[in-house]
Protein backbone atom coordinates (compact mmCIF):
# COMPACT_ATOMS: atom_id res chain seq x y z
CA UNK A 1 177.75 40.18 352.65
CA UNK A 2 177.62 37.07 354.80
CA UNK A 3 177.92 38.29 358.40
CA UNK A 4 179.62 35.80 360.71
CA UNK A 5 180.10 35.76 364.47
CA UNK A 6 176.54 36.02 365.80
CA UNK A 7 174.99 33.58 368.25
CA UNK A 8 171.46 33.52 369.66
CA UNK A 9 169.80 31.70 372.55
CA UNK A 10 166.29 30.90 373.64
CA UNK A 11 164.78 30.35 377.06
CA UNK A 12 167.26 27.51 377.76
CA UNK A 13 170.25 29.94 377.58
CA UNK A 14 172.13 27.69 375.15
CA UNK A 15 173.76 29.80 372.43
CA UNK A 16 173.86 28.51 368.86
CA UNK A 17 175.22 30.08 365.65
CA UNK A 18 172.80 32.50 364.02
CA UNK A 19 172.24 34.19 360.68
CA UNK A 20 172.48 37.97 360.58
CA UNK A 21 171.45 40.44 357.91
CA UNK A 22 171.63 44.23 357.81
CA UNK A 23 168.31 46.03 357.33
CA UNK A 24 168.87 49.76 357.21
CA UNK A 25 170.43 50.77 360.54
CA UNK A 26 169.59 47.44 362.21
CA UNK A 27 171.12 43.97 362.28
CA UNK A 28 168.46 41.25 362.25
CA UNK A 29 169.65 38.05 363.94
CA UNK A 30 167.76 34.77 363.73
CA UNK A 31 167.95 31.00 363.76
CA UNK A 32 165.32 28.46 362.77
CA UNK A 33 166.45 26.43 365.81
CA UNK A 34 165.40 29.16 368.28
CA UNK A 35 161.65 29.84 368.35
CA UNK A 36 161.63 32.42 371.19
CA UNK A 37 164.91 34.38 371.07
CA UNK A 38 166.05 35.79 374.40
CA UNK A 39 169.63 37.01 373.92
CA UNK A 40 172.15 37.61 371.19
CA UNK A 41 175.91 38.01 371.21
CA UNK A 42 178.57 38.83 368.63
CA UNK A 43 182.13 37.43 368.52
CA UNK A 44 181.83 36.80 372.24
CA UNK A 45 183.78 33.55 372.59
CA UNK A 46 187.56 33.31 372.76
CA UNK A 47 189.14 33.30 369.29
CA UNK A 48 185.78 33.72 367.55
CA UNK A 49 185.86 35.47 364.19
CA UNK A 50 183.43 38.18 363.23
CA UNK A 51 183.26 40.41 360.19
CA UNK A 52 180.67 43.06 361.10
CA UNK A 53 181.80 46.63 360.42
CA UNK A 54 180.26 50.02 361.07
CA UNK A 55 179.43 52.46 358.28
CA UNK A 56 182.97 53.89 358.46
CA UNK A 57 184.39 50.42 357.82
CA UNK A 58 185.74 49.86 361.35
CA UNK A 59 185.25 46.46 363.00
CA UNK A 60 182.53 46.10 365.62
CA UNK A 61 183.81 45.00 369.03
CA UNK A 62 182.43 41.84 370.68
CA UNK A 63 179.18 42.39 372.61
CA UNK A 64 176.19 40.63 374.14
CA UNK A 65 172.67 41.80 374.70
CA UNK A 66 170.99 42.01 378.08
CA UNK A 67 167.28 41.20 377.92
């Protein structure tokens, strides 16, 4: 499925939309516009849609990483 709602930023701390794919138990997030990823966030902006679900089918709550 096409996962929506992820954003990624580099050293400049400017978030841009990112592609996300599920690989086993992990979600791999990337963007060809970010060469050195620093942080990632999911559905973190107001009124942002996301469609990621856990293995029980429940929606994942918005989050951000802390690197």
